[in-house]
PDB file of N, CA and C in Angstrom:
ATOM      1  N   MET A   1     114.964  88.527 116.577  1.00  0.00           N
ATOM      2  CA  MET A   1     113.316  88.001 116.729  1.00  0.00           C
ATOM      3  C   MET A   1     112.205  88.267 118.246  1.00  0.00           C
ATOM      4  N   LYS A   2     111.506  88.699 118.097  1.00  0.00           N
ATOM      5  CA  LYS A   2     110.341  89.211 119.008  1.00  0.00           C
ATOM      6  C   LYS A   2     109.700  88.621 119.790  1.00  0.00           C
ATOM      7  N   ILE A   3     109.391  88.503 120.936  1.00  0.00           N
ATOM      8  CA  ILE A   3     108.305  88.119 121.621  1.00  0.00           C
ATOM      9  C   ILE A   3     107.193  88.587 122.004  1.00  0.00           C
ATOM     10  N   LEU A   4     105.814  88.434 121.911  1.00  0.00           N
ATOM     11  CA  LEU A   4     104.877  89.004 122.465  1.00  0.00           C
ATOM     12  C   LEU A   4     103.736  88.478 123.716  1.00  0.00           C
ATOM     13  N   LYS A   5     104.090  88.727 124.824  1.00  0.00           N
ATOM     14  CA  LYS A   5     103.290  87.958 125.962  1.00  0.00           C
ATOM     15  C   LYS A   5     102.188  88.583 126.511  1.00  0.00           C
ATOM     16  N   ILE A   6     101.386  87.372 126.281  1.00  0.00           N
ATOM     17  CA  ILE A   6      99.774  88.001 126.810  1.00  0.00           C
ATOM     18  C   ILE A   6      99.590  86.403 127.459  1.00  0.00           C
ATOM     19  N   ASN A   7      98.799  86.625 128.562  1.00  0.00           N
ATOM     20  CA  ASN A   7      98.602  86.201 129.814  1.00  0.00           C
ATOM     21  C   ASN A   7      99.198  84.668 129.410  1.00  0.00           C
ATOM     22  N   ASN A   8     100.164  84.509 130.256  1.00  0.00           N
ATOM     23  CA  ASN A   8     100.769  83.557 130.574  1.00  0.00           C
ATOM     24  C   ASN A   8     101.614  83.055 128.980  1.00  0.00           C
ATOM     25  N   GLU A   9     101.195  83.145 127.988  1.00  0.00           N
ATOM     26  CA  GLU A   9     101.224  82.848 126.612  1.00  0.00           C
ATOM     27  C   GLU A   9     102.516  83.547 125.679  1.00  0.00           C
ATOM     28  N   GLN A  10     103.400  83.073 124.798  1.00  0.00           N
ATOM     29  CA  GLN A  10     104.361  83.624 124.349  1.00  0.00           C
ATOM     30  C   GLN A  10     104.784  83.208 122.595  1.00  0.00           C
ATOM     31  N   PHE A  11     104.599  84.367 121.804  1.00  0.00           N
ATOM     32  CA  PHE A  11     104.808  84.471 120.430  1.00  0.00           C
ATOM     33  C   PHE A  11     104.724  84.902 119.816  1.00  0.00           C
ATOM     34  N   LYS A  12     106.504  84.543 118.474  1.00  0.00           N
ATOM     35  CA  LYS A  12     107.248  85.191 118.413  1.00  0.00           C
ATOM     36  C   LYS A  12     106.864  85.309 117.018  1.00  0.00           C
ATOM     37  N   ALA A  13     107.848  86.526 116.852  1.00  0.00           N
ATOM     38  CA  ALA A  13     108.096  86.513 115.273  1.00  0.00           C
ATOM     39  C   ALA A  13     108.628  87.977 115.022  1.00  0.00           C
ATOM     40  N   ASP A  14     109.819  88.217 114.079  1.00  0.00           N
ATOM     41  CA  ASP A  14     110.490  89.313 113.889  1.00  0.00           C
ATOM     42  C   ASP A  14     109.972  90.347 114.020  1.00  0.00           C
ATOM     43  N   LYS A  15     109.036  90.339 113.322  1.00  0.00           N
ATOM     44  CA  LYS A  15     108.225  92.043 113.659  1.00  0.00           C
ATOM     45  C   LYS A  15     106.299  91.674 114.271  1.00  0.00           C
ATOM     46  N   ILE A  16     106.419  92.395 115.676  1.00  0.00           N
ATOM     47  CA  ILE A  16     105.583  92.879 116.117  1.00  0.00           C
ATOM     48  C   ILE A  16     104.960  93.993 116.363  1.00  0.00           C
ATOM     49  N   ILE A  17     103.994  93.923 116.119  1.00  0.00           N
ATOM     50  CA  ILE A  17     103.072  95.619 115.270  1.00  0.00           C
ATOM     51  C   ILE A  17     101.966  95.485 115.628  1.00  0.00           C
ATOM     52  N   LYS A  18     102.038  97.434 116.319  1.00  0.00           N
ATOM     53  CA  LYS A  18     100.420  97.445 117.186  1.00  0.00           C
ATOM     54  C   LYS A  18     100.606  98.443 116.142  1.00  0.00           C
ATOM     55  N   ASN A  19      98.887  98.547 115.629  1.00  0.00           N
ATOM     56  CA  ASN A  19      98.067  99.851 115.287  1.00  0.00           C
ATOM     57  C   ASN A  19      97.263  99.287 116.664  1.00  0.00           C
ATOM     58  N   GLN A  20      95.765 100.758 115.868  1.00  0.00           N
ATOM     59  CA  GLN A  20      94.797 100.995 116.692  1.00  0.00           C
ATOM     60  C   GLN A  20      93.963  99.713 117.351  1.00  0.00           C
ATOM     61  N   THR A  21      94.133  99.296 116.798  1.00  0.00           N
ATOM     62  CA  THR A  21      92.966  97.888 117.162  1.00  0.00           C
ATOM     63  C   THR A  21      93.690  96.330 117.333  1.00  0.00           C
ATOM     64  N   ASP A  22      94.940  95.830 116.539  1.00  0.00           N
ATOM     65  CA  ASP A  22      95.347  95.154 116.613  1.00  0.00           C
ATOM     66  C   ASP A  22      96.538  94.657 116.592  1.00  0.00           C
ATOM     67  N   ILE A  23      97.203  93.631 116.717  1.00  0.00           N
ATOM     68  CA  ILE A  23      98.293  93.206 116.544  1.00  0.00           C
ATOM     69  C   ILE A  23      98.955  92.277 115.574  1.00  0.00           C
ATOM     70  N   LEU A  24     100.209  92.470 115.377  1.00  0.00           N
ATOM     71  CA  LEU A  24     100.213  91.402 114.132  1.00  0.00           C
ATOM     72  C   LEU A  24     101.347  91.103 114.324  1.00  0.00           C
ATOM     73  N   GLY A  25     102.024  89.563 114.435  1.00  0.00           N
ATOM     74  CA  GLY A  25     103.397  89.173 114.396  1.00  0.00           C
ATOM     75  C   GLY A  25     103.346  88.845 112.836  1.00  0.00           C
ATOM     76  N   GLN A  26     104.932  89.609 112.384  1.00  0.00           N
ATOM     77  CA  GLN A  26     105.586  89.324 110.927  1.00  0.00           C
ATOM     78  C   GLN A  26     106.120  88.394 111.120  1.00  0.00           C
ATOM     79  N   ASN A  27     106.652  87.009 110.391  1.00  0.00           N
ATOM     80  CA  ASN A  27     108.375  86.423 109.715  1.00  0.00           C
ATOM     81  C   ASN A  27     109.612  87.903 109.359  1.00  0.00           C
ATOM     82  N   LEU A  28     110.490  87.342 108.261  1.00  0.00           N
ATOM     83  CA  LEU A  28     110.750  88.630 107.669  1.00  0.00           C
ATOM     84  C   LEU A  28     110.386  88.994 106.594  1.00  0.00           C
ATOM     85  N   ASN A  29     109.667  87.612 105.807  1.00  0.00           N
ATOM     86  CA  ASN A  29     109.105  87.595 104.538  1.00  0.00           C
ATOM     87  C   ASN A  29     107.509  88.770 104.653  1.00  0.00           C
ATOM     88  N   GLY A  30     107.559  88.634 105.933  1.00  0.00           N
ATOM     89  CA  GLY A  30     106.045  89.643 105.886  1.00  0.00           C
ATOM     90  C   GLY A  30     105.030  88.947 105.784  1.00  0.00           C
ATOM     91  N   ASN A  31     104.894  87.727 106.101  1.00  0.00           N
ATOM     92  CA  ASN A  31     103.774  87.429 105.988  1.00  0.00           C
ATOM     93  C   ASN A  31     103.348  86.990 107.514  1.00  0.00           C
ATOM     94  N   GLU A  32     101.978  86.852 107.807  1.00  0.00           N
ATOM     95  CA  GLU A  32     101.836  87.017 108.842  1.00  0.00           C
ATOM     96  C   GLU A  32     101.704  85.403 109.448  1.00  0.00           C
ATOM     97  N   VAL A  33     102.504  85.699 111.100  1.00  0.00           N
ATOM     98  CA  VAL A  33     102.216  84.538 111.881  1.00  0.00           C
ATOM     99  C   VAL A  33     101.633  84.410 112.918  1.00  0.00           C
ATOM    100  N   PHE A  34     100.624  85.696 113.584  1.00  0.00           N
ATOM    101  CA  PHE A  34      99.766  85.086 114.422  1.00  0.00           C
ATOM    102  C   PHE A  34      99.436  87.113 114.354  1.00  0.00           C
ATOM    103  N   ALA A  35      98.111  86.995 114.592  1.00  0.00           N
ATOM    104  CA  ALA A  35      96.989  88.127 114.719  1.00  0.00           C
ATOM    105  C   ALA A  35      95.927  87.980 116.058  1.00  0.00           C
ATOM    106  N   PHE A  36      96.163  89.193 116.508  1.00  0.00           N
ATOM    107  CA  PHE A  36      95.645  89.559 117.823  1.00  0.00           C
ATOM    108  C   PHE A  36      94.214  90.933 116.908  1.00  0.00           C
ATOM    109  N   ARG A  37      93.396  90.577 116.296  1.00  0.00           N
ATOM    110  CA  ARG A  37      92.207  91.714 116.246  1.00  0.00           C
ATOM    111  C   ARG A  37      91.374  92.352 116.723  1.00  0.00           C
ATOM    112  N   GLY A  38      90.920  93.518 117.034  1.00  0.00           N
ATOM    113  CA  GLY A  38      89.699  93.733 117.810  1.00  0.00           C
ATOM    114  C   GLY A  38      90.005  94.053 119.130  1.00  0.00           C
ATOM    115  N   ILE A  39      91.562  94.283 119.154  1.00  0.00           N
ATOM    116  CA  ILE A  39      91.554  95.105 120.851  1.00  0.00           C
ATOM    117  C   ILE A  39      91.500  96.024 120.873  1.00  0.00           C
ATOM    118  N   SER A  40      90.648  96.130 122.159  1.00  0.00           N
ATOM    119  CA  SER A  40      89.911  97.885 122.751  1.00  0.00           C
ATOM    120  C   SER A  40      91.468  98.312 124.371  1.00  0.00           C
ATOM    121  N   ASP A  41      91.271  97.453 125.005  1.00  0.00           N
ATOM    122  CA  ASP A  41      92.644  96.879 125.780  1.00  0.00           C
ATOM    123  C   ASP A  41      94.049  96.347 125.711  1.00  0.00           C
ATOM    124  N   PHE A  42      94.611  97.356 125.707  1.00  0.00           N
ATOM    125  CA  PHE A  42      96.411  96.848 125.462  1.00  0.00           C
ATOM    126  C   PHE A  42      97.158  96.452 126.319  1.00  0.00           C
ATOM    127  N   ALA A  43      96.495  96.586 127.554  1.00  0.00           N
ATOM    128  CA  ALA A  43      97.177  96.885 128.732  1.00  0.00           C
ATOM    129  C   ALA A  43      98.091  95.400 129.539  1.00  0.00           C
ATOM    130  N   GLY A  44      97.341  93.723 128.837  1.00  0.00           N
ATOM    131  CA  GLY A  44      98.052  93.527 128.766  1.00  0.00           C
ATOM    132  C   GLY A  44      99.219  92.616 128.042  1.00  0.00           C
ATOM    133  N   PHE A  45      99.177  93.255 127.015  1.00  0.00           N
ATOM    134  CA  PHE A  45     100.338  92.614 125.819  1.00  0.00           C
ATOM    135  C   PHE A  45     101.639  93.544 126.139  1.00  0.00           C
ATOM    136  N   THR A  46     102.493  92.556 126.227  1.00  0.00           N
ATOM    137  CA  THR A  46     104.120  93.399 126.639  1.00  0.00           C
ATOM    138  C   THR A  46     105.210  92.590 125.335  1.00  0.00           C
ATOM    139  N   VAL A  47     106.004  93.723 125.046  1.00  0.00           N
ATOM    140  CA  VAL A  47     107.154  92.626 123.875  1.00  0.00           C
ATOM    141  C   VAL A  47     108.098  92.810 124.391  1.00  0.00           C
ATOM    142  N   ILE A  48     108.961  92.150 124.005  1.00  0.00           N
ATOM    143  CA  ILE A  48     110.378  91.460 124.809  1.00  0.00           C
ATOM    144  C   ILE A  48     111.618  91.206 123.796  1.00  0.00           C
ATOM    145  N   LYS A  49     112.330  91.026 123.583  1.00  0.00           N
ATOM    146  CA  LYS A  49     113.509  90.140 123.153  1.00  0.00           C
ATOM    147  C   LYS A  49     114.070  88.973 123.401  1.00  0.00           C
ATOM    148  N   GLU A  50     114.803  88.589 122.855  1.00  0.00           N
ATOM    149  CA  GLU A  50     114.859  86.754 122.974  1.00  0.00           C
ATOM    150  C   GLU A  50     116.030  86.444 124.611  1.00  0.00           C
ATOM    151  N   ASP A  51     116.758  87.906 124.721  1.00  0.00           N
ATOM    152  CA  ASP A  51     116.510  87.657 125.727  1.00  0.00           C
ATOM    153  C   ASP A  51     116.494  88.448 126.753  1.00  0.00           C
ATOM    154  N   GLY A  52     114.892  88.757 127.158  1.00  0.00           N
ATOM    155  CA  GLY A  52     113.807  88.975 128.296  1.00  0.00           C
ATOM    156  C   GLY A  52     114.307  90.452 127.778  1.00  0.00           C
ATOM    157  N   GLU A  53     114.847  91.457 127.277  1.00  0.00           N
ATOM    158  CA  GLU A  53     114.822  92.585 128.010  1.00  0.00           C
ATOM    159  C   GLU A  53     113.669  93.891 126.924  1.00  0.00           C
ATOM    160  N   GLY A  54     113.337  94.699 127.400  1.00  0.00           N
ATOM    161  CA  GLY A  54     111.851  94.949 126.788  1.00  0.00           C
ATOM    162  C   GLY A  54     112.001  95.533 125.230  1.00  0.00           C
ATOM    163  N   CYS A  55     111.036  95.987 124.855  1.00  0.00           N
ATOM    164  CA  CYS A  55     110.958  96.472 123.214  1.00  0.00           C
ATOM    165  C   CYS A  55     109.967  97.210 123.083  1.00  0.00           C
ATOM    166  N   ASP A  56     110.141  98.088 122.300  1.00  0.00           N
ATOM    167  CA  ASP A  56     108.692  98.926 121.565  1.00  0.00           C
ATOM    168  C   ASP A  56     108.018  97.706 120.724  1.00  0.00           C
ATOM    169  N   PHE A  57     106.891  98.381 120.437  1.00  0.00           N
ATOM    170  CA  PHE A  57     105.881  97.668 119.089  1.00  0.00           C
ATOM    171  C   PHE A  57     106.770  97.838 117.843  1.00  0.00           C
ATOM    172  N   ASP A  58     106.883  97.489 116.541  1.00  0.00           N
ATOM    173  CA  ASP A  58     107.037  98.167 116.106  1.00  0.00           C
ATOM    174  C   ASP A  58     106.032  98.879 114.772  1.00  0.00           C
ATOM    175  N   THR A  59     106.144  99.767 114.044  1.00  0.00           N
ATOM    176  CA  THR A  59     104.405 100.056 113.522  1.00  0.00           C
ATOM    177  C   THR A  59     104.855  99.812 111.998  1.00  0.00           C
ATOM    178  N   LEU A  60     103.384  99.607 111.538  1.00  0.00           N
ATOM    179  CA  LEU A  60     103.086  99.082 109.462  1.00  0.00           C
ATOM    180  C   LEU A  60     103.193 100.354 109.177  1.00  0.00           C
ATOM    181  N   GLU A  61     104.539  99.985 108.027  1.00  0.00           N
ATOM    182  CA  GLU A  61     104.790 100.750 106.815  1.00  0.00           C
ATOM    183  C   GLU A  61     103.654 101.293 105.655  1.00  0.00           C
ATOM    184  N   PRO A  62     103.808 102.325 105.362  1.00  0.00           N
ATOM    185  CA  PRO A  62     103.013 103.197 104.717  1.00  0.00           C
ATOM    186  C   PRO A  62     103.313 101.983 103.150  1.00  0.00           C
ATOM    187  N   THR A  63     102.272 101.428 102.541  1.00  0.00           N
ATOM    188  CA  THR A  63     102.227 101.044 100.891  1.00  0.00           C
ATOM    189  C   THR A  63     102.420 102.060  99.938  1.00  0.00           C
ATOM    190  N   ILE A  64     103.065 101.649  99.112  1.00  0.00           N
ATOM    191  CA  ILE A  64     102.714 102.652  98.064  1.00  0.00           C
ATOM    192  C   ILE A  64     102.004 103.476  97.808  1.00  0.00           C
ATOM    193  N   ALA A  65     100.569 102.771  97.836  1.00  0.00           N
ATOM    194  CA  ALA A  65      99.788 102.875  97.300  1.00  0.00           C
ATOM    195  C   ALA A  65      99.232 104.244  98.604  1.00  0.00           C
ATOM    196  N   ASP A  66      99.309 104.418  99.815  1.00  0.00           N
ATOM    197  CA  ASP A  66      99.235 105.010 100.752  1.00  0.00           C
ATOM    198  C   ASP A  66     100.060 106.483 100.191  1.00  0.00           C
ATOM    199  N   LEU A  67     101.484 106.028 100.205  1.00  0.00           N
ATOM    200  CA  LEU A  67     102.598 107.119 100.372  1.00  0.00           C
ATOM    201  C   LEU A  67     101.502 108.433  99.228  1.00  0.00           C
ATOM    202  N   GLN A  68     101.674 107.555  97.591  1.00  0.00           N
ATOM    203  CA  GLN A  68     100.804 107.972  96.706  1.00  0.00           C
ATOM    204  C   GLN A  68     100.081 109.022  97.119  1.00  0.00           C
ATOM    205  N   THR A  69      98.938 108.483  97.990  1.00  0.00           N
ATOM    206  CA  THR A  69      97.341 109.157  98.086  1.00  0.00           C
ATOM    207  C   THR A  69      97.838 110.548  98.778  1.00  0.00           C
ATOM    208  N   GLN A  70      99.328 110.163 100.049  1.00  0.00           N
ATOM    209  CA  GLN A  70      99.592 111.788 100.449  1.00  0.00           C
ATOM    210  C   GLN A  70     100.313 112.740  99.874  1.00  0.00           C
ATOM    211  N   ILE A  71     100.469 112.146  98.423  1.00  0.00           N
ATOM    212  CA  ILE A  71     101.732 112.916  98.010  1.00  0.00           C
ATOM    213  C   ILE A  71     100.998 112.983  97.272  1.00  0.00           C
ATOM    214  N   PHE A  72      99.385 113.211  96.520  1.00  0.00           N
ATOM    215  CA  PHE A  72      98.607 113.420  95.597  1.00  0.00           C
ATOM    216  C   PHE A  72      97.364 114.643  96.687  1.00  0.00           C
ATOM    217  N   LYS A  73      97.105 114.185  97.940  1.00  0.00           N
ATOM    218  CA  LYS A  73      96.698 115.494  98.935  1.00  0.00           C
ATOM    219  C   LYS A  73      97.637 116.553  98.685  1.00  0.00           C
ATOM    220  N   LEU A  74      98.776 116.435  99.122  1.00  0.00           N
ATOM    221  CA  LEU A  74      99.550 117.658  99.267  1.00  0.00           C
ATOM    222  C   LEU A  74     100.045 117.692  98.549  1.00  0.00           C
ATOM    223  N   THR A  75      99.416 117.762  96.726  1.00  0.00           N
ATOM    224  CA  THR A  75      99.674 118.024  95.803  1.00  0.00           C
ATOM    225  C   THR A  75      98.356 119.390  95.212  1.00  0.00           C
ATOM    226  N   THR A  76      97.615 118.462  96.015  1.00  0.00           N
ATOM    227  CA  THR A  76      96.315 119.369  95.152  1.00  0.00           C
ATOM    228  C   THR A  76      96.099 120.289  96.487  1.00  0.00           C
ATOM    229  N   GLN A  77      96.718 120.154  97.655  1.00  0.00           N
ATOM    230  CA  GLN A  77      96.056 121.463  99.172  1.00  0.00           C
ATOM    231  C   GLN A  77      97.382 122.461  98.500  1.00  0.00           C
ATOM    232  N   LEU A  78      98.737 122.528  97.938  1.00  0.00           N
ATOM    233  CA  LEU A  78      99.675 123.354  96.907  1.00  0.00           C
ATOM    234  C   LEU A  78      99.171 124.222  96.035  1.00  0.00           C
ATOM    235  N   ILE A  79      98.410 123.493  95.016  1.00  0.00           N
ATOM    236  CA  ILE A  79      97.887 123.974  93.793  1.00  0.00           C
ATOM    237  C   ILE A  79      96.374 124.888  93.836  1.00  0.00           C
ATOM    238  N   ASN A  80      95.956 124.433  95.299  1.00  0.00           N
ATOM    239  CA  ASN A  80      94.933 125.350  95.530  1.00  0.00           C
ATOM    240  C   ASN A  80      95.552 126.489  97.067  1.00  0.00           C
ATOM    241  N   GLY A  81      96.445 126.866  96.892  1.00  0.00           N
ATOM    242  CA  GLY A  81      97.022 127.617  97.558  1.00  0.00           C
ATOM    243  C   GLY A  81      97.166 127.486  98.615  1.00  0.00           C
ATOM    244  N   GLY A  82      96.933 126.076  99.860  1.00  0.00           N
ATOM    245  CA  GLY A  82      96.494 125.693 100.880  1.00  0.00           C
ATOM    246  C   GLY A  82      98.345 126.508 101.739  1.00  0.00           C
ATOM    247  N   ALA A  83      98.505 126.632 103.107  1.00  0.00           N
ATOM    248  CA  ALA A  83      99.687 126.162 103.458  1.00  0.00           C
ATOM    249  C   ALA A  83      99.406 124.604 103.994  1.00  0.00           C
ATOM    250  N   LEU A  84     100.294 123.711 103.987  1.00  0.00           N
ATOM    251  CA  LEU A  84     101.134 122.594 104.710  1.00  0.00           C
ATOM    252  C   LEU A  84     100.475 122.568 105.828  1.00  0.00           C
TER     253      LEU A  84
END
């Protein structure tokens, strides 16, 4: 379990995912338990473990569709003689 701290408030989740503009909290089943969207400044957000030790944000795992798209692009590039 991780804790997101912002403005003296705490939000708990099993995963706390940060991308370019959002922070999402998810439980073990991948269900969203909280979300902060459209963030332009992440300075006030910190993530800690339940024991108070600092930790990193999680990253969003790519979907099967994302991976298929990457494979298609790389295959097309190779077929056309391009280097990776």
